[in-house]
Structures are given as structure tokens and as C-alpha cells.
Amino acid sequence: MRAFILFILLFINVSVFAESKYIGNLAKLDTPGNKPEYGSQTEMPYPKVNVNKVFNIFLHAVDRGQLKLFDKILSRDMLKPIRVEYVYTSETPYPMVKVYSALKEPMPLPSMPEANIIGVSGVMDASGNIIETTAHCDVKE
């Protein structure tokens, strides 16, 4: 009998949490049958981004010679763009756009022979110019 009562109490508690909606800064917990609208979980605006258009703007900047690593200018033939990131700061109303690209052929890291550069990120300003470059490395074991 105690096990039966415990089971009923446990079932009631689980069902209460399953149907709860949290409001405010936390995301709402939706049941699997309810598909939320795009970006509605936190009620924050999410930009709909044409990733291929961003890649093209990035590759045009690469064609202008703006993507440099250790005094070497990288070309579009060396890159495979993979990811677009928008970075917002409290100082500016517009985001910085960062494009991560894998290198088709890893490059040696000049100061560490046991490491290879496997990818590069380029941060673009609102005009589409690359203003910052970051190398992503992999260390050989």
C-alpha cells in the first residue's frame, strides 16, 4: 500500500513539472507536441541569416588579401568556410561577424613544429572588411 501511495505521489509530482511553463529569463519548457516559433523560447530576437551570403562577403574580403596569418596572405582556395558567428557587445549596436573556416591543407605553426594550423577565424566589420584573424591549432602527439 505504501508503495502504491508513493507511486501516485511521484506520478503527480512528475506530471506537474512536465506541464509547467517557466516565464521570465528562463526558457519555457514546452511539451513535445507543441513546436515553438523560431526564437520564441527566450522571447529574444534571433536574426535569420543567409549563411551563404555571409560566406561570399567573407570570401570577397579574402580575395582582397585581408586574411593574413604570420605575414602569409591566405587565398579562397585554401579555405572551407564552415560557421558564422555573430558577436554582440554592450558598446556597439551592431554585431561583429566571425566566420570560421577549416584549412584544406594544415599549415605548420612557425613557432611550434609539433603543431599545425587547422582552421582560421576572421572577424568582419559592418563594411565587410576582415579586422581580426585567429588561428586554430592542433598539436601532434
Protein backbone atom coordinates (compact mmCIF):
# COMPACT_ATOMS: atom_id res chain seq x y z
CA MET A 1 0.00 0.00 0.00
CA ARG A 2 2.86 2.39 0.86
CA ALA A 3 4.49 1.66 -2.49
CA PHE A 4 1.20 2.42 -4.28
CA ILE A 5 0.79 5.77 -2.46
CA LEU A 6 4.44 6.65 -3.13
CA PHE A 7 3.94 5.82 -6.81
CA ILE A 8 0.87 8.09 -7.00
CA LEU A 9 2.70 10.98 -5.29
CA LEU A 10 5.70 10.52 -7.57
CA PHE A 11 3.43 10.48 -10.64
CA ILE A 12 1.67 13.67 -9.53
CA ASN A 13 4.98 15.49 -8.96
CA VAL A 14 6.40 14.42 -12.34
CA SER A 15 3.25 15.42 -14.22
CA VAL A 16 3.24 18.86 -12.55
CA PHE A 17 6.81 19.51 -13.75
CA ALA A 18 6.10 18.20 -17.25
CA GLU A 19 3.31 20.72 -17.83
CA SER A 20 5.00 23.71 -16.15
CA LYS A 21 5.89 26.81 -18.11
CA TYR A 22 8.68 29.00 -16.77
CA ILE A 23 8.34 32.66 -17.62
CA GLY A 24 10.87 35.45 -17.35
CA ASN A 25 14.56 34.95 -18.03
CA LEU A 26 14.32 31.17 -18.23
CA ALA A 27 13.28 29.30 -21.33
CA LYS A 28 9.76 27.94 -21.40
CA LEU A 29 9.51 24.17 -21.15
CA ASP A 30 7.25 23.07 -23.98
CA THR A 31 5.72 19.67 -24.31
CA PRO A 32 6.94 17.66 -27.30
CA GLY A 33 3.62 18.16 -29.13
CA ASN A 34 3.97 21.97 -29.11
CA LYS A 35 6.59 23.24 -31.55
CA PRO A 36 7.67 26.75 -30.58
CA GLU A 37 8.00 29.57 -33.07
CA TYR A 38 11.52 30.39 -34.25
CA GLY A 39 13.33 32.20 -31.42
CA SER A 40 10.34 32.14 -29.06
CA GLN A 41 11.93 30.05 -26.30
CA THR A 42 13.50 33.06 -24.63
CA GLU A 43 11.48 35.68 -26.48
CA MET A 44 14.74 37.16 -27.79
CA PRO A 45 15.04 38.33 -31.38
CA TYR A 46 17.12 35.98 -33.49
CA PRO A 47 18.32 37.19 -36.86
CA LYS A 48 17.53 34.99 -39.82
CA VAL A 49 20.89 34.78 -41.54
CA ASN A 50 21.70 33.80 -45.10
CA VAL A 51 24.93 31.96 -44.26
CA ASN A 52 25.99 31.59 -47.90
CA LYS A 53 25.73 35.36 -48.41
CA VAL A 54 27.96 35.93 -45.35
CA PHE A 55 30.44 33.36 -46.70
CA ASN A 56 30.53 35.24 -50.03
CA ILE A 57 31.20 38.57 -48.30
CA PHE A 58 33.97 36.90 -46.31
CA LEU A 59 35.50 35.30 -49.41
CA HIS A 60 35.47 38.66 -51.23
CA ALA A 61 37.49 40.10 -48.34
CA VAL A 62 39.85 37.13 -48.64
CA ASP A 63 40.19 37.87 -52.37
CA ARG A 64 41.22 41.45 -51.43
CA GLY A 65 44.10 39.99 -49.40
CA GLN A 66 42.67 40.80 -45.96
CA LEU A 67 43.09 37.34 -44.39
CA LYS A 68 46.66 37.07 -43.12
CA LEU A 69 48.42 34.60 -40.84
CA PHE A 70 52.05 35.19 -39.83
CA ASP A 71 52.72 37.50 -42.80
CA LYS A 72 51.18 34.98 -45.21
CA ILE A 73 48.12 36.04 -47.19
CA LEU A 74 45.58 33.22 -47.44
CA SER A 75 43.53 32.64 -50.59
CA ARG A 76 39.99 31.36 -51.03
CA ASP A 77 41.37 28.08 -52.47
CA MET A 78 42.92 27.29 -49.08
CA LEU A 79 39.67 27.64 -47.09
CA LYS A 80 36.42 25.83 -46.47
CA PRO A 81 34.03 28.19 -44.63
CA ILE A 82 32.05 26.26 -42.02
CA ARG A 83 30.46 28.51 -39.41
CA VAL A 84 29.14 32.05 -38.97
CA GLU A 85 29.05 33.62 -35.51
CA TYR A 86 27.53 36.95 -34.50
CA VAL A 87 29.25 38.60 -31.53
CA TYR A 88 27.36 41.36 -29.76
CA THR A 89 28.97 43.75 -27.28
CA SER A 90 27.48 46.32 -24.97
CA GLU A 91 29.42 49.14 -26.66
CA THR A 92 28.05 48.83 -30.19
CA PRO A 93 24.54 48.30 -31.55
CA TYR A 94 25.80 46.14 -34.43
CA PRO A 95 27.39 42.73 -34.05
CA MET A 96 30.80 41.68 -35.23
CA VAL A 97 30.56 38.80 -37.68
CA LYS A 98 33.04 35.96 -37.30
CA VAL A 99 33.50 33.31 -39.97
CA TYR A 100 35.31 30.10 -39.06
CA SER A 101 36.95 28.24 -41.93
CA ALA A 102 38.84 24.97 -41.95
CA LEU A 103 42.08 24.93 -43.89
CA LYS A 104 42.02 22.40 -46.71
CA GLU A 105 45.71 21.68 -46.04
CA PRO A 106 47.02 22.20 -42.49
CA MET A 107 49.83 24.74 -42.16
CA PRO A 108 52.77 24.38 -39.80
CA LEU A 109 52.83 26.80 -36.88
CA PRO A 110 56.12 28.73 -37.22
CA SER A 111 56.98 28.83 -33.51
CA MET A 112 55.92 25.25 -32.68
CA PRO A 113 56.90 22.47 -35.08
CA GLU A 114 54.67 19.96 -33.25
CA ALA A 115 51.53 22.00 -34.02
CA ASN A 116 49.54 22.59 -37.18
CA ILE A 117 47.10 25.35 -38.02
CA ILE A 118 43.88 23.56 -38.99
CA GLY A 119 41.48 26.49 -39.19
CA VAL A 120 41.17 30.24 -39.15
CA SER A 121 38.54 32.70 -37.95
CA GLY A 122 38.12 36.10 -39.49
CA VAL A 123 36.14 38.85 -37.80
CA MET A 124 34.48 41.28 -40.19
CA ASP A 125 33.26 44.80 -39.51
CA ALA A 126 29.98 46.21 -40.83
CA SER A 127 31.68 47.09 -44.14
CA GLY A 128 32.77 43.50 -44.80
CA ASN A 129 36.46 44.07 -44.05
CA ILE A 130 38.39 41.50 -42.04
CA ILE A 131 39.65 43.29 -38.94
CA GLU A 132 40.86 40.36 -36.83
CA THR A 133 42.26 36.91 -37.58
CA THR A 134 42.60 33.95 -35.23
CA ALA A 135 44.47 30.70 -35.98
CA HIS A 136 43.09 27.42 -34.64
CA CYS A 137 45.75 24.82 -33.96
CA ASP A 138 46.05 21.09 -33.38
CA VAL A 139 49.06 19.66 -31.56
CA LYS A 140 50.57 16.41 -32.87
CA GLU A 141 51.06 13.73 -30.28
